[in-house]
Amino acid sequence: MTNVKAFYILQPSYIDASRNEAVKQYGSMEQYIRDGLHVTEDELRRLRESLLD
């Protein structure tokens, strides 16, 4: 049950560890989004528009 609970409760240490690993493997979060998550430039543009407006 602890593993399931950890999945639903975001703790800063989990977020930091995830970000650090993404940057370690891809060089930056932006590169991780593009290469690791396979988000296209058009998708990234639309996400930015909807999230930053």
Protein backbone atom coordinates (compact mmCIF):
# COMPACT_ATOMS: atom_id res chain seq x y z
CA MET A 1 0.00 0.00 0.00
CA THR A 2 2.92 2.36 0.65
CA ASN A 3 3.98 2.24 -3.01
CA VAL A 4 0.45 3.05 -4.18
CA LYS A 5 0.18 5.89 -1.69
CA ALA A 6 3.55 7.29 -2.83
CA PHE A 7 2.26 7.34 -6.40
CA TYR A 8 -0.64 9.63 -5.46
CA ILE A 9 1.14 11.87 -2.98
CA LEU A 10 3.75 14.12 -4.54
CA GLN A 11 6.59 14.75 -2.19
CA PRO A 12 9.21 17.37 -3.03
CA SER A 13 12.00 14.80 -2.81
CA TYR A 14 10.30 12.64 -5.48
CA ILE A 15 9.84 15.62 -7.77
CA ASP A 16 13.46 16.72 -7.28
CA ALA A 17 14.78 13.21 -7.90
CA SER A 18 12.73 12.87 -11.09
CA ARG A 19 13.86 16.25 -12.39
CA ASN A 20 17.49 15.54 -11.53
CA GLU A 21 17.41 12.20 -13.36
CA ALA A 22 15.77 13.74 -16.43
CA VAL A 23 18.42 16.48 -16.56
CA LYS A 24 21.18 13.91 -15.99
CA GLN A 25 19.99 11.76 -18.89
CA TYR A 26 18.85 14.47 -21.34
CA GLY A 27 20.78 17.60 -20.37
CA SER A 28 17.71 19.74 -19.59
CA MET A 29 14.01 19.44 -18.85
CA GLU A 30 13.18 20.87 -22.26
CA GLN A 31 15.31 18.20 -23.95
CA TYR A 32 13.65 15.53 -21.80
CA ILE A 33 10.21 16.74 -22.88
CA ARG A 34 11.24 16.65 -26.54
CA ASP A 35 13.32 13.48 -26.64
CA GLY A 36 12.20 11.49 -23.60
CA LEU A 37 8.49 12.18 -23.87
CA HIS A 38 8.53 12.61 -27.67
CA VAL A 39 6.61 15.89 -27.57
CA THR A 40 6.70 17.63 -30.95
CA GLU A 41 7.46 21.32 -31.39
CA ASP A 42 3.81 21.93 -32.30
CA GLU A 43 2.59 20.09 -29.19
CA LEU A 44 5.07 22.01 -27.04
CA ARG A 45 3.89 25.32 -28.52
CA ARG A 46 0.23 24.44 -27.86
CA LEU A 47 1.04 23.37 -24.29
CA ARG A 48 2.85 26.62 -23.65
CA GLU A 49 -0.05 28.62 -25.07
CA SER A 50 -2.65 26.84 -22.97
CA LEU A 51 -0.62 26.73 -19.76
CA LEU A 52 0.90 30.20 -19.86
CA ASP A 53 -2.17 32.19 -20.92
